[in-house]
N, C-alpha and C. Protein backbone atom coordinates (compact mmCIF):
# COMPACT_ATOMS: atom_id res chain seq x y z
N UNK A 1 0.81 -1.15 0.02
CA UNK A 1 0.00 -0.01 -0.03
C UNK A 1 0.93 1.20 0.03
N UNK A 2 0.57 2.17 -0.83
CA UNK A 2 1.34 3.41 -0.86
C UNK A 2 0.51 4.55 -0.28
N UNK A 3 1.04 5.38 0.57
CA UNK A 3 0.34 6.48 1.18
C UNK A 3 1.10 7.78 1.06
N UNK A 4 0.40 8.88 0.97
CA UNK A 4 1.02 10.18 0.92
C UNK A 4 1.15 10.74 2.20
N UNK A 5 2.26 11.23 2.64
CA UNK A 5 2.48 11.66 4.03
C UNK A 5 3.10 13.13 4.02
N UNK A 6 2.51 13.89 4.89
CA UNK A 6 3.16 15.28 5.09
C UNK A 6 3.82 15.14 6.47
N UNK A 7 5.05 15.45 6.51
CA UNK A 7 5.80 15.35 7.77
C UNK A 7 6.00 16.76 8.41
N UNK A 8 5.81 16.82 9.67
CA UNK A 8 6.16 18.02 10.46
C UNK A 8 7.23 17.68 11.40
N UNK A 9 8.48 18.09 11.13
CA UNK A 9 9.52 17.79 11.94
C UNK A 9 9.67 18.67 13.17
N UNK A 10 10.55 18.30 14.17
CA UNK A 10 10.78 19.03 15.33
C UNK A 10 9.60 19.30 16.20
N UNK A 11 8.60 18.44 16.25
CA UNK A 11 7.47 18.58 17.06
C UNK A 11 7.81 18.10 18.44
N UNK A 12 6.91 18.48 19.40
CA UNK A 12 7.17 17.95 20.77
C UNK A 12 6.92 16.57 20.95
N UNK A 13 5.92 16.04 20.27
CA UNK A 13 5.53 14.64 20.37
C UNK A 13 5.47 13.99 19.01
N UNK A 14 5.65 12.73 18.91
CA UNK A 14 5.30 12.00 17.61
C UNK A 14 3.85 11.67 17.49
N UNK A 15 3.15 11.95 16.49
CA UNK A 15 1.74 11.76 16.32
C UNK A 15 1.34 11.54 14.89
N UNK A 16 0.31 10.68 14.68
CA UNK A 16 -0.19 10.38 13.35
C UNK A 16 -1.62 10.82 13.26
N UNK A 17 -1.93 11.70 12.30
CA UNK A 17 -3.35 12.10 11.96
C UNK A 17 -3.65 11.78 10.54
N UNK A 18 -4.89 11.69 10.20
CA UNK A 18 -5.29 11.64 8.71
C UNK A 18 -6.06 12.84 8.37
N UNK A 19 -5.63 13.59 7.36
CA UNK A 19 -6.27 14.75 6.99
C UNK A 19 -7.49 14.30 6.10
N UNK A 20 -8.40 15.39 5.82
CA UNK A 20 -9.55 15.06 5.11
C UNK A 20 -9.27 14.64 3.63
N UNK A 21 -8.17 15.11 3.03
CA UNK A 21 -7.87 14.81 1.74
C UNK A 21 -7.13 13.56 1.58
N UNK A 22 -7.03 12.68 2.63
CA UNK A 22 -6.47 11.38 2.54
C UNK A 22 -4.97 11.29 2.84
N UNK A 23 -4.35 12.49 3.05
CA UNK A 23 -2.98 12.54 3.28
C UNK A 23 -2.74 12.30 4.76
N UNK A 24 -1.77 11.50 5.21
CA UNK A 24 -1.44 11.29 6.52
C UNK A 24 -0.63 12.46 7.05
N UNK A 25 -0.88 13.07 8.09
CA UNK A 25 -0.19 14.06 8.71
C UNK A 25 0.71 13.49 9.93
N UNK A 26 1.93 13.51 9.70
CA UNK A 26 2.82 12.86 10.81
C UNK A 26 3.77 13.86 11.49
N UNK A 27 3.59 13.99 12.77
CA UNK A 27 4.46 14.84 13.52
C UNK A 27 5.65 13.95 14.05
N UNK A 28 6.79 14.34 13.89
CA UNK A 28 7.89 13.62 14.45
C UNK A 28 8.84 14.51 15.30
N UNK A 29 9.34 13.89 16.40
CA UNK A 29 10.14 14.66 17.34
C UNK A 29 11.57 14.53 17.09
N UNK A 30 11.98 14.85 15.79
CA UNK A 30 13.40 14.73 15.33
C UNK A 30 13.56 16.00 14.44
N UNK A 31 14.75 16.57 14.40
CA UNK A 31 15.01 17.65 13.38
C UNK A 31 15.18 17.14 11.96
N UNK A 32 14.89 18.05 11.02
CA UNK A 32 15.07 17.64 9.56
C UNK A 32 16.58 17.79 9.21
N UNK A 33 17.45 17.17 9.95
CA UNK A 33 18.87 17.17 9.60
C UNK A 33 19.45 15.77 9.47
N UNK A 34 20.29 15.59 8.52
CA UNK A 34 21.10 14.31 8.35
C UNK A 34 20.07 12.99 8.38
N UNK A 35 18.89 13.19 7.84
CA UNK A 35 17.93 12.09 7.72
C UNK A 35 17.32 11.66 9.02
N UNK A 36 17.46 12.45 10.17
CA UNK A 36 16.85 12.05 11.36
C UNK A 36 15.36 12.02 11.41
N UNK A 37 14.76 12.98 10.71
CA UNK A 37 13.31 13.04 10.67
C UNK A 37 12.67 11.91 9.82
N UNK A 38 13.46 11.59 8.73
CA UNK A 38 13.07 10.44 7.89
C UNK A 38 13.03 9.18 8.75
N UNK A 39 14.20 8.96 9.46
CA UNK A 39 14.25 7.74 10.31
C UNK A 39 13.25 7.70 11.30
N UNK A 40 12.91 8.86 11.92
CA UNK A 40 11.92 8.84 12.96
C UNK A 40 10.50 8.56 12.33
N UNK A 41 10.28 9.07 11.13
CA UNK A 41 9.03 8.89 10.36
C UNK A 41 8.78 7.35 10.17
N UNK A 42 9.87 6.60 9.77
CA UNK A 42 9.73 5.22 9.52
C UNK A 42 9.34 4.50 10.89
N UNK A 43 9.96 4.90 11.94
CA UNK A 43 9.74 4.33 13.30
C UNK A 43 8.17 4.67 13.68
N UNK A 44 7.80 5.84 13.52
CA UNK A 44 6.42 6.17 13.90
C UNK A 44 5.38 5.47 13.08
N UNK A 45 5.61 5.41 11.78
CA UNK A 45 4.63 4.70 10.94
C UNK A 45 4.70 3.16 11.24
N UNK A 46 5.75 2.60 11.46
CA UNK A 46 5.87 1.17 11.81
C UNK A 46 5.03 0.92 13.10
N UNK A 47 5.24 1.82 14.09
CA UNK A 47 4.50 1.66 15.35
C UNK A 47 2.98 1.79 15.13
N UNK A 48 2.62 2.78 14.29
CA UNK A 48 1.17 3.08 13.98
C UNK A 48 0.53 1.91 13.37
N UNK A 49 1.22 1.28 12.38
CA UNK A 49 0.54 0.18 11.66
C UNK A 49 0.86 -1.21 12.33
N UNK A 50 1.70 -1.11 13.39
CA UNK A 50 2.10 -2.36 14.10
C UNK A 50 2.79 -3.37 13.21
N UNK A 51 3.80 -2.91 12.39
CA UNK A 51 4.60 -3.67 11.65
C UNK A 51 6.06 -3.38 11.87
N UNK A 52 6.93 -4.27 11.41
CA UNK A 52 8.40 -4.03 11.55
C UNK A 52 8.81 -2.77 10.75
N UNK A 53 9.90 -2.12 11.21
CA UNK A 53 10.46 -0.93 10.48
C UNK A 53 10.87 -1.28 9.09
N UNK A 54 11.24 -2.53 8.81
CA UNK A 54 11.72 -2.90 7.48
C UNK A 54 10.57 -3.01 6.54
N UNK A 55 9.30 -2.95 6.94
CA UNK A 55 8.14 -2.93 6.04
C UNK A 55 7.66 -1.59 5.69
N UNK A 56 8.36 -0.57 6.08
CA UNK A 56 8.04 0.85 5.79
C UNK A 56 9.28 1.39 4.92
N UNK A 57 8.94 1.99 3.82
CA UNK A 57 9.97 2.48 2.95
C UNK A 57 9.59 3.81 2.29
N UNK A 58 10.46 4.78 2.33
CA UNK A 58 10.15 6.07 1.72
C UNK A 58 10.48 5.90 0.28
N UNK A 59 9.60 6.11 -0.55
CA UNK A 59 9.81 5.94 -2.03
C UNK A 59 10.25 7.30 -2.74
N UNK A 60 9.52 8.38 -2.27
CA UNK A 60 9.77 9.64 -2.95
C UNK A 60 9.66 10.81 -1.90
N UNK A 61 10.55 11.86 -2.04
CA UNK A 61 10.41 13.07 -1.15
C UNK A 61 11.34 12.94 -0.04
N UNK A 62 12.55 12.42 -0.22
CA UNK A 62 13.50 12.33 0.90
C UNK A 62 13.84 13.67 1.62
N UNK A 63 13.84 14.67 0.76
CA UNK A 63 14.26 16.06 1.32
C UNK A 63 13.04 17.00 1.31
N UNK A 64 11.83 16.48 1.15
CA UNK A 64 10.64 17.29 1.14
C UNK A 64 9.70 16.92 2.28
N UNK A 65 8.78 17.85 2.68
CA UNK A 65 7.84 17.56 3.74
C UNK A 65 6.77 16.63 3.25
N UNK A 66 6.52 16.63 1.91
CA UNK A 66 5.52 15.69 1.39
C UNK A 66 6.28 14.48 0.82
N UNK A 67 5.80 13.30 1.27
CA UNK A 67 6.54 12.08 0.86
C UNK A 67 5.55 11.03 0.41
N UNK A 68 6.02 10.12 -0.44
CA UNK A 68 5.36 8.98 -0.76
C UNK A 68 5.98 7.77 -0.07
N UNK A 69 5.18 7.01 0.73
CA UNK A 69 5.68 5.91 1.63
C UNK A 69 5.02 4.63 1.24
N UNK A 70 5.73 3.62 1.13
CA UNK A 70 5.18 2.25 0.88
C UNK A 70 5.14 1.54 2.19
N UNK A 71 3.98 0.90 2.44
CA UNK A 71 3.81 0.12 3.67
C UNK A 71 3.48 -1.30 3.13
N UNK A 72 4.41 -2.21 3.60
CA UNK A 72 4.15 -3.61 3.22
C UNK A 72 3.64 -4.28 4.38
N UNK A 73 2.37 -4.87 4.15
CA UNK A 73 1.76 -5.66 5.25
C UNK A 73 2.38 -7.04 5.43
N UNK A 74 2.45 -7.47 6.65
CA UNK A 74 2.98 -8.79 6.88
C UNK A 74 2.04 -9.87 6.59
N UNK A 75 2.37 -10.87 5.83
CA UNK A 75 1.50 -11.97 5.60
C UNK A 75 1.67 -13.00 6.69
N UNK A 76 0.54 -13.53 7.14
CA UNK A 76 0.47 -14.42 8.29
C UNK A 76 0.32 -15.90 7.76
């Protein structure tokens, strides 16, 4: 599954919301430097979907606030 994500770095808490237009709004408590916000984004989304971090991959938008993220569901 691919989802569009808008990241808000340097927030006080990590939080996931879904906007009305279907874009996920993710606040991360990491600065947008040296990939720290991207790393924290993967951790927050993995926790939100209850999947391993290896199942979350940023496809597009590494240096942008708007990203395209692929979520791979675990097959049981």
